[in-house]
C-alpha cells in the first residue's frame, strides 16, 4: 500500500489491507464511487475509508472481518469482481 494522506484508525488500516490482499484489489480509481466514497480517492484509500466508516457507524456488527468482507463483496457489482471475490 502506498503512502496516503488519509487518516484511519490502525484497526481500519489493518483490516483494509487484509481486504485488499484477500480480494486482490488493484490500486487505481473507480472503486471509490461504488463504495460511496469521494471519487478523488484511489481504490486503496477508498477501501480504507469505507472500512473506517463501517467500523464507526456500527462497530458491533462490522468488527468481524467476515462480515466486513461480505459487505464489501455485496457492494461491488458481480461483473466487476475478480475470481478471488
PDB file of N, CA and C in Angstrom:
ATOM      1  N   UNK A   1       0.857  -1.173   0.000  1.00  0.00           N
ATOM      2  CA  UNK A   1       0.000   0.000   0.000  1.00  0.00           C
ATOM      3  C   UNK A   1       0.904   1.237   0.000  1.00  0.00           C
ATOM      4  N   UNK A   2       0.614   2.181  -0.833  1.00  0.00           N
ATOM      5  CA  UNK A   2       1.429   3.378  -0.934  1.00  0.00           C
ATOM      6  C   UNK A   2       1.059   4.377   0.152  1.00  0.00           C
ATOM      7  N   UNK A   3       1.926   5.343   0.367  1.00  0.00           N
ATOM      8  CA  UNK A   3       1.679   6.396   1.352  1.00  0.00           C
ATOM      9  C   UNK A   3       0.430   7.173   0.963  1.00  0.00           C
ATOM     10  N   UNK A   4      -0.379   7.489   1.964  1.00  0.00           N
ATOM     11  CA  UNK A   4      -1.640   8.162   1.699  1.00  0.00           C
ATOM     12  C   UNK A   4      -1.791   9.363   2.615  1.00  0.00           C
ATOM     13  N   UNK A   5      -2.629  10.285   2.213  1.00  0.00           N
ATOM     14  CA  UNK A   5      -2.899  11.464   3.029  1.00  0.00           C
ATOM     15  C   UNK A   5      -4.178  11.329   3.842  1.00  0.00           C
ATOM     16  N   UNK A   6      -4.768  10.144   3.868  1.00  0.00           N
ATOM     17  CA  UNK A   6      -5.976   9.945   4.660  1.00  0.00           C
ATOM     18  C   UNK A   6      -5.588   9.465   6.052  1.00  0.00           C
ATOM     19  N   UNK A   7      -6.495   9.658   7.003  1.00  0.00           N
ATOM     20  CA  UNK A   7      -6.266   9.136   8.342  1.00  0.00           C
ATOM     21  C   UNK A   7      -7.394   8.186   8.684  1.00  0.00           C
ATOM     22  N   UNK A   8      -7.026   6.980   9.076  1.00  0.00           N
ATOM     23  CA  UNK A   8      -7.972   5.996   9.595  1.00  0.00           C
ATOM     24  C   UNK A   8      -7.321   5.350  10.809  1.00  0.00           C
ATOM     25  N   UNK A   9      -8.123   4.709  11.635  1.00  0.00           N
ATOM     26  CA  UNK A   9      -7.590   4.055  12.826  1.00  0.00           C
ATOM     27  C   UNK A   9      -6.685   2.892  12.418  1.00  0.00           C
ATOM     28  N   UNK A  10      -5.785   2.500  13.308  1.00  0.00           N
ATOM     29  CA  UNK A  10      -4.938   1.342  12.999  1.00  0.00           C
ATOM     30  C   UNK A  10      -5.756   0.084  12.672  1.00  0.00           C
ATOM     31  N   UNK A  11      -6.868  -0.120  13.363  1.00  0.00           N
ATOM     32  CA  UNK A  11      -7.711  -1.285  13.081  1.00  0.00           C
ATOM     33  C   UNK A  11      -8.290  -1.214  11.670  1.00  0.00           C
ATOM     34  N   UNK A  12      -8.767  -0.041  11.276  1.00  0.00           N
ATOM     35  CA  UNK A  12      -9.319   0.118   9.928  1.00  0.00           C
ATOM     36  C   UNK A  12      -8.233  -0.083   8.873  1.00  0.00           C
ATOM     37  N   UNK A  13      -7.042   0.417   9.141  1.00  0.00           N
ATOM     38  CA  UNK A  13      -5.935   0.261   8.193  1.00  0.00           C
ATOM     39  C   UNK A  13      -5.562  -1.211   8.039  1.00  0.00           C
ATOM     40  N   UNK A  14      -5.426  -1.906   9.163  1.00  0.00           N
ATOM     41  CA  UNK A  14      -5.066  -3.328   9.123  1.00  0.00           C
ATOM     42  C   UNK A  14      -6.142  -4.137   8.396  1.00  0.00           C
ATOM     43  N   UNK A  15      -7.397  -3.877   8.727  1.00  0.00           N
ATOM     44  CA  UNK A  15      -8.495  -4.614   8.105  1.00  0.00           C
ATOM     45  C   UNK A  15      -8.588  -4.312   6.615  1.00  0.00           C
ATOM     46  N   UNK A  16      -8.416  -3.049   6.238  1.00  0.00           N
ATOM     47  CA  UNK A  16      -8.488  -2.704   4.813  1.00  0.00           C
ATOM     48  C   UNK A  16      -7.339  -3.349   4.043  1.00  0.00           C
ATOM     49  N   UNK A  17      -6.159  -3.434   4.640  1.00  0.00           N
ATOM     50  CA  UNK A  17      -5.037  -4.097   3.974  1.00  0.00           C
ATOM     51  C   UNK A  17      -5.320  -5.590   3.794  1.00  0.00           C
ATOM     52  N   UNK A  18      -5.970  -6.192   4.783  1.00  0.00           N
ATOM     53  CA  UNK A  18      -6.355  -7.602   4.666  1.00  0.00           C
ATOM     54  C   UNK A  18      -7.344  -7.797   3.516  1.00  0.00           C
ATOM     55  N   UNK A  19      -8.333  -6.905   3.419  1.00  0.00           N
ATOM     56  CA  UNK A  19      -9.319  -6.989   2.335  1.00  0.00           C
ATOM     57  C   UNK A  19      -8.659  -6.804   0.973  1.00  0.00           C
ATOM     58  N   UNK A  20      -7.781  -5.828   0.878  1.00  0.00           N
ATOM     59  CA  UNK A  20      -7.082  -5.548  -0.381  1.00  0.00           C
ATOM     60  C   UNK A  20      -6.269  -6.764  -0.817  1.00  0.00           C
ATOM     61  N   UNK A  21      -5.563  -7.374   0.135  1.00  0.00           N
ATOM     62  CA  UNK A  21      -4.764  -8.561  -0.186  1.00  0.00           C
ATOM     63  C   UNK A  21      -5.651  -9.762  -0.511  1.00  0.00           C
ATOM     64  N   UNK A  22      -6.656  -9.986   0.317  1.00  0.00           N
ATOM     65  CA  UNK A  22      -7.539 -11.142   0.170  1.00  0.00           C
ATOM     66  C   UNK A  22      -8.311 -11.115  -1.149  1.00  0.00           C
ATOM     67  N   UNK A  23      -8.792  -9.943  -1.520  1.00  0.00           N
ATOM     68  CA  UNK A  23      -9.612  -9.808  -2.725  1.00  0.00           C
ATOM     69  C   UNK A  23      -8.811  -9.374  -3.953  1.00  0.00           C
ATOM     70  N   UNK A  24      -7.499  -9.219  -3.785  1.00  0.00           N
ATOM     71  CA  UNK A  24      -6.611  -8.823  -4.885  1.00  0.00           C
ATOM     72  C   UNK A  24      -7.085  -7.534  -5.546  1.00  0.00           C
ATOM     73  N   UNK A  25      -7.377  -6.547  -4.722  1.00  0.00           N
ATOM     74  CA  UNK A  25      -7.829  -5.250  -5.230  1.00  0.00           C
ATOM     75  C   UNK A  25      -6.623  -4.482  -5.750  1.00  0.00           C
ATOM     76  N   UNK A  26      -6.724  -4.003  -6.967  1.00  0.00           N
ATOM     77  CA  UNK A  26      -5.655  -3.204  -7.566  1.00  0.00           C
ATOM     78  C   UNK A  26      -5.825  -1.749  -7.182  1.00  0.00           C
ATOM     79  N   UNK A  27      -4.684  -1.063  -7.014  1.00  0.00           N
ATOM     80  CA  UNK A  27      -4.788   0.369  -6.799  1.00  0.00           C
ATOM     81  C   UNK A  27      -5.135   0.994  -8.139  1.00  0.00           C
ATOM     82  N   UNK A  28      -5.710   2.117  -8.083  1.00  0.00           N
ATOM     83  CA  UNK A  28      -6.190   2.798  -9.284  1.00  0.00           C
ATOM     84  C   UNK A  28      -7.387   3.612  -8.875  1.00  0.00           C
ATOM     85  N   UNK A  29      -8.315   3.777  -9.761  1.00  0.00           N
ATOM     86  CA  UNK A  29      -9.510   4.562  -9.465  1.00  0.00           C
ATOM     87  C   UNK A  29     -10.750   3.799  -9.910  1.00  0.00           C
ATOM     88  N   UNK A  30     -11.896   4.236  -9.413  1.00  0.00           N
ATOM     89  CA  UNK A  30     -13.159   3.656  -9.823  1.00  0.00           C
ATOM     90  C   UNK A  30     -13.935   3.005  -8.696  1.00  0.00           C
ATOM     91  N   UNK A  31     -13.236   2.442  -7.731  1.00  0.00           N
ATOM     92  CA  UNK A  31     -13.908   1.748  -6.637  1.00  0.00           C
ATOM     93  C   UNK A  31     -14.552   2.718  -5.658  1.00  0.00           C
ATOM     94  N   UNK A  32     -13.992   3.906  -5.534  1.00  0.00           N
ATOM     95  CA  UNK A  32     -14.497   4.888  -4.561  1.00  0.00           C
ATOM     96  C   UNK A  32     -15.971   5.204  -4.777  1.00  0.00           C
ATOM     97  N   UNK A  33     -16.353   5.492  -5.997  1.00  0.00           N
ATOM     98  CA  UNK A  33     -17.752   5.858  -6.238  1.00  0.00           C
ATOM     99  C   UNK A  33     -18.695   4.683  -5.984  1.00  0.00           C
ATOM    100  N   UNK A  34     -18.241   3.471  -6.219  1.00  0.00           N
ATOM    101  CA  UNK A  34     -19.055   2.286  -5.943  1.00  0.00           C
ATOM    102  C   UNK A  34     -19.274   2.134  -4.439  1.00  0.00           C
ATOM    103  N   UNK A  35     -18.264   2.506  -3.657  1.00  0.00           N
ATOM    104  CA  UNK A  35     -18.345   2.382  -2.196  1.00  0.00           C
ATOM    105  C   UNK A  35     -18.903   3.642  -1.535  1.00  0.00           C
ATOM    106  N   UNK A  36     -19.402   4.562  -2.328  1.00  0.00           N
ATOM    107  CA  UNK A  36     -19.941   5.834  -1.822  1.00  0.00           C
ATOM    108  C   UNK A  36     -18.901   6.650  -1.060  1.00  0.00           C
ATOM    109  N   UNK A  37     -17.705   6.642  -1.600  1.00  0.00           N
ATOM    110  CA  UNK A  37     -16.601   7.454  -1.089  1.00  0.00           C
ATOM    111  C   UNK A  37     -16.285   8.465  -2.187  1.00  0.00           C
ATOM    112  N   UNK A  38     -15.810   9.625  -1.804  1.00  0.00           N
ATOM    113  CA  UNK A  38     -15.482  10.639  -2.803  1.00  0.00           C
ATOM    114  C   UNK A  38     -14.566  10.051  -3.878  1.00  0.00           C
ATOM    115  N   UNK A  39     -14.875  10.288  -5.151  1.00  0.00           N
ATOM    116  CA  UNK A  39     -14.087   9.701  -6.231  1.00  0.00           C
ATOM    117  C   UNK A  39     -12.668  10.256  -6.364  1.00  0.00           C
ATOM    118  N   UNK A  40     -12.285  11.186  -5.529  1.00  0.00           N
ATOM    119  CA  UNK A  40     -10.911  11.694  -5.585  1.00  0.00           C
ATOM    120  C   UNK A  40      -9.922  10.708  -4.963  1.00  0.00           C
ATOM    121  N   UNK A  41     -10.428   9.684  -4.282  1.00  0.00           N
ATOM    122  CA  UNK A  41      -9.555   8.733  -3.599  1.00  0.00           C
ATOM    123  C   UNK A  41      -9.254   7.522  -4.473  1.00  0.00           C
ATOM    124  N   UNK A  42      -8.055   6.991  -4.292  1.00  0.00           N
ATOM    125  CA  UNK A  42      -7.656   5.771  -5.003  1.00  0.00           C
ATOM    126  C   UNK A  42      -8.441   4.579  -4.454  1.00  0.00           C
ATOM    127  N   UNK A  43      -8.349   3.455  -5.129  1.00  0.00           N
ATOM    128  CA  UNK A  43      -9.038   2.252  -4.666  1.00  0.00           C
ATOM    129  C   UNK A  43      -8.598   1.858  -3.257  1.00  0.00           C
ATOM    130  N   UNK A  44      -7.299   1.906  -2.984  1.00  0.00           N
ATOM    131  CA  UNK A  44      -6.799   1.541  -1.654  1.00  0.00           C
ATOM    132  C   UNK A  44      -7.332   2.501  -0.594  1.00  0.00           C
ATOM    133  N   UNK A  45      -7.281   3.793  -0.888  1.00  0.00           N
ATOM    134  CA  UNK A  45      -7.803   4.784   0.059  1.00  0.00           C
ATOM    135  C   UNK A  45      -9.302   4.599   0.260  1.00  0.00           C
ATOM    136  N   UNK A  46     -10.017   4.320  -0.822  1.00  0.00           N
ATOM    137  CA  UNK A  46     -11.467   4.137  -0.738  1.00  0.00           C
ATOM    138  C   UNK A  46     -11.827   2.959   0.159  1.00  0.00           C
ATOM    139  N   UNK A  47     -11.106   1.860   0.033  1.00  0.00           N
ATOM    140  CA  UNK A  47     -11.366   0.700   0.890  1.00  0.00           C
ATOM    141  C   UNK A  47     -11.096   1.058   2.344  1.00  0.00           C
ATOM    142  N   UNK A  48      -9.997   1.759   2.605  1.00  0.00           N
ATOM    143  CA  UNK A  48      -9.673   2.163   3.981  1.00  0.00           C
ATOM    144  C   UNK A  48     -10.747   3.076   4.562  1.00  0.00           C
ATOM    145  N   UNK A  49     -11.188   4.040   3.785  1.00  0.00           N
ATOM    146  CA  UNK A  49     -12.234   4.955   4.256  1.00  0.00           C
ATOM    147  C   UNK A  49     -13.565   4.234   4.436  1.00  0.00           C
ATOM    148  N   UNK A  50     -13.868   3.311   3.555  1.00  0.00           N
ATOM    149  CA  UNK A  50     -15.100   2.533   3.653  1.00  0.00           C
ATOM    150  C   UNK A  50     -15.091   1.683   4.926  1.00  0.00           C
ATOM    151  N   UNK A  51     -13.962   1.022   5.191  1.00  0.00           N
ATOM    152  CA  UNK A  51     -13.836   0.215   6.415  1.00  0.00           C
ATOM    153  C   UNK A  51     -13.982   1.103   7.639  1.00  0.00           C
ATOM    154  N   UNK A  52     -13.315   2.256   7.636  1.00  0.00           N
ATOM    155  CA  UNK A  52     -13.416   3.170   8.779  1.00  0.00           C
ATOM    156  C   UNK A  52     -14.860   3.596   9.001  1.00  0.00           C
ATOM    157  N   UNK A  53     -15.565   3.899   7.933  1.00  0.00           N
ATOM    158  CA  UNK A  53     -16.968   4.299   8.050  1.00  0.00           C
ATOM    159  C   UNK A  53     -17.813   3.176   8.649  1.00  0.00           C
ATOM    160  N   UNK A  54     -17.600   1.951   8.187  1.00  0.00           N
ATOM    161  CA  UNK A  54     -18.364   0.811   8.717  1.00  0.00           C
ATOM    162  C   UNK A  54     -18.067   0.605  10.197  1.00  0.00           C
ATOM    163  N   UNK A  55     -16.803   0.678  10.585  1.00  0.00           N
ATOM    164  CA  UNK A  55     -16.438   0.484  11.991  1.00  0.00           C
ATOM    165  C   UNK A  55     -16.993   1.599  12.866  1.00  0.00           C
ATOM    166  N   UNK A  56     -17.007   2.813  12.349  1.00  0.00           N
ATOM    167  CA  UNK A  56     -17.514   3.954  13.113  1.00  0.00           C
ATOM    168  C   UNK A  56     -19.032   3.907  13.236  1.00  0.00           C
ATOM    169  N   UNK A  57     -19.706   3.531  12.164  1.00  0.00           N
ATOM    170  CA  UNK A  57     -21.169   3.576  12.167  1.00  0.00           C
ATOM    171  C   UNK A  57     -21.806   2.423  12.935  1.00  0.00           C
ATOM    172  N   UNK A  58     -21.194   1.237  12.911  1.00  0.00           N
ATOM    173  CA  UNK A  58     -21.786   0.077  13.599  1.00  0.00           C
ATOM    174  C   UNK A  58     -20.686  -0.923  13.955  1.00  0.00           C
ATOM    175  N   UNK A  59     -19.879  -0.554  14.945  1.00  0.00           N
ATOM    176  CA  UNK A  59     -18.713  -1.366  15.302  1.00  0.00           C
ATOM    177  C   UNK A  59     -19.104  -2.790  15.680  1.00  0.00           C
ATOM    178  N   UNK A  60     -20.173  -2.926  16.447  1.00  0.00           N
ATOM    179  CA  UNK A  60     -20.576  -4.261  16.893  1.00  0.00           C
ATOM    180  C   UNK A  60     -20.819  -5.199  15.715  1.00  0.00           C
ATOM    181  N   UNK A  61     -21.465  -4.690  14.710  1.00  0.00           N
ATOM    182  CA  UNK A  61     -21.773  -5.508  13.533  1.00  0.00           C
ATOM    183  C   UNK A  61     -20.548  -5.742  12.659  1.00  0.00           C
ATOM    184  N   UNK A  62     -19.773  -4.697  12.412  1.00  0.00           N
ATOM    185  CA  UNK A  62     -18.693  -4.771  11.434  1.00  0.00           C
ATOM    186  C   UNK A  62     -17.315  -5.055  12.025  1.00  0.00           C
ATOM    187  N   UNK A  63     -17.233  -5.402  13.295  1.00  0.00           N
ATOM    188  CA  UNK A  63     -15.925  -5.719  13.874  1.00  0.00           C
ATOM    189  C   UNK A  63     -15.433  -7.091  13.418  1.00  0.00           C
ATOM    190  N   UNK A  64     -16.305  -7.887  12.828  1.00  0.00           N
ATOM    191  CA  UNK A  64     -15.925  -9.192  12.285  1.00  0.00           C
ATOM    192  C   UNK A  64     -15.406  -9.018  10.853  1.00  0.00           C
ATOM    193  N   UNK A  65     -14.233  -9.584  10.579  1.00  0.00           N
ATOM    194  CA  UNK A  65     -13.654  -9.494   9.241  1.00  0.00           C
ATOM    195  C   UNK A  65     -14.589 -10.095   8.193  1.00  0.00           C
ATOM    196  N   UNK A  66     -15.164 -11.239   8.509  1.00  0.00           N
ATOM    197  CA  UNK A  66     -16.033 -11.916   7.543  1.00  0.00           C
ATOM    198  C   UNK A  66     -17.267 -11.083   7.195  1.00  0.00           C
ATOM    199  N   UNK A  67     -17.819 -10.387   8.183  1.00  0.00           N
ATOM    200  CA  UNK A  67     -18.978  -9.523   7.919  1.00  0.00           C
ATOM    201  C   UNK A  67     -18.561  -8.355   7.027  1.00  0.00           C
ATOM    202  N   UNK A  68     -17.420  -7.745   7.336  1.00  0.00           N
ATOM    203  CA  UNK A  68     -16.918  -6.642   6.503  1.00  0.00           C
ATOM    204  C   UNK A  68     -16.643  -7.121   5.079  1.00  0.00           C
ATOM    205  N   UNK A  69     -16.000  -8.260   4.961  1.00  0.00           N
ATOM    206  CA  UNK A  69     -15.679  -8.807   3.644  1.00  0.00           C
ATOM    207  C   UNK A  69     -16.968  -9.051   2.852  1.00  0.00           C
ATOM    208  N   UNK A  70     -17.942  -9.670   3.489  1.00  0.00           N
ATOM    209  CA  UNK A  70     -19.213  -9.935   2.820  1.00  0.00           C
ATOM    210  C   UNK A  70     -19.919  -8.662   2.394  1.00  0.00           C
ATOM    211  N   UNK A  71     -19.840  -7.649   3.235  1.00  0.00           N
ATOM    212  CA  UNK A  71     -20.466  -6.372   2.911  1.00  0.00           C
ATOM    213  C   UNK A  71     -19.759  -5.694   1.735  1.00  0.00           C
ATOM    214  N   UNK A  72     -18.438  -5.765   1.713  1.00  0.00           N
ATOM    215  CA  UNK A  72     -17.683  -5.179   0.599  1.00  0.00           C
ATOM    216  C   UNK A  72     -18.002  -5.914  -0.701  1.00  0.00           C
ATOM    217  N   UNK A  73     -17.975  -7.229  -0.660  1.00  0.00           N
ATOM    218  CA  UNK A  73     -18.289  -8.019  -1.852  1.00  0.00           C
ATOM    219  C   UNK A  73     -19.709  -7.712  -2.328  1.00  0.00           C
ATOM    220  N   UNK A  74     -20.635  -7.564  -1.385  1.00  0.00           N
ATOM    221  CA  UNK A  74     -22.014  -7.256  -1.739  1.00  0.00           C
ATOM    222  C   UNK A  74     -22.207  -5.858  -2.290  1.00  0.00           C
ATOM    223  N   UNK A  75     -21.257  -4.966  -2.024  1.00  0.00           N
ATOM    224  CA  UNK A  75     -21.349  -3.588  -2.502  1.00  0.00           C
ATOM    225  C   UNK A  75     -20.851  -3.417  -3.934  1.00  0.00           C
ATOM    226  N   UNK A  76     -20.071  -4.369  -4.398  1.00  0.00           N
ATOM    227  CA  UNK A  76     -19.462  -4.266  -5.728  1.00  0.00           C
ATOM    228  C   UNK A  76     -20.234  -5.161  -6.700  1.00  0.00           C
ATOM    229  N   UNK A  77     -20.680  -4.611  -7.827  1.00  0.00           N
ATOM    230  CA  UNK A  77     -21.420  -5.425  -8.800  1.00  0.00           C
ATOM    231  C   UNK A  77     -20.617  -6.665  -9.223  1.00  0.00           C
ATOM    232  N   UNK A  78     -21.305  -7.768  -9.414  1.00  0.00           N
ATOM    233  CA  UNK A  78     -20.659  -9.048  -9.722  1.00  0.00           C
ATOM    234  C   UNK A  78     -19.755  -8.976 -10.954  1.00  0.00           C
ATOM    235  N   UNK A  79     -20.161  -8.213 -11.955  1.00  0.00           N
ATOM    236  CA  UNK A  79     -19.355  -8.164 -13.181  1.00  0.00           C
ATOM    237  C   UNK A  79     -18.015  -7.448 -12.984  1.00  0.00           C
ATOM    238  N   UNK A  80     -17.846  -6.746 -11.874  1.00  0.00           N
ATOM    239  CA  UNK A  80     -16.575  -6.080 -11.580  1.00  0.00           C
ATOM    240  C   UNK A  80     -15.694  -6.887 -10.637  1.00  0.00           C
ATOM    241  N   UNK A  81     -16.232  -7.956 -10.092  1.00  0.00           N
ATOM    242  CA  UNK A  81     -15.486  -8.759  -9.135  1.00  0.00           C
ATOM    243  C   UNK A  81     -14.558  -9.723  -9.864  1.00  0.00           C
ATOM    244  N   UNK A  82     -13.375  -9.881  -9.307  1.00  0.00           N
ATOM    245  CA  UNK A  82     -12.423 -10.829  -9.877  1.00  0.00           C
ATOM    246  C   UNK A  82     -12.715 -12.242  -9.401  1.00  0.00           C
ATOM    247  N   UNK A  83     -11.887 -13.177  -9.811  1.00  0.00           N
ATOM    248  CA  UNK A  83     -12.058 -14.580  -9.438  1.00  0.00           C
ATOM    249  C   UNK A  83     -11.913 -14.818  -7.941  1.00  0.00           C
ATOM    250  N   UNK A  84     -11.177 -13.971  -7.246  1.00  0.00           N
ATOM    251  CA  UNK A  84     -10.918 -14.150  -5.817  1.00  0.00           C
ATOM    252  C   UNK A  84     -12.075 -13.697  -4.945  1.00  0.00           C
ATOM    253  N   UNK A  85     -13.036 -13.027  -5.503  1.00  0.00           N
ATOM    254  CA  UNK A  85     -14.133 -12.489  -4.708  1.00  0.00           C
ATOM    255  C   UNK A  85     -15.126 -13.581  -4.410  1.00  0.00           C
TER     256      UNK A  85
END
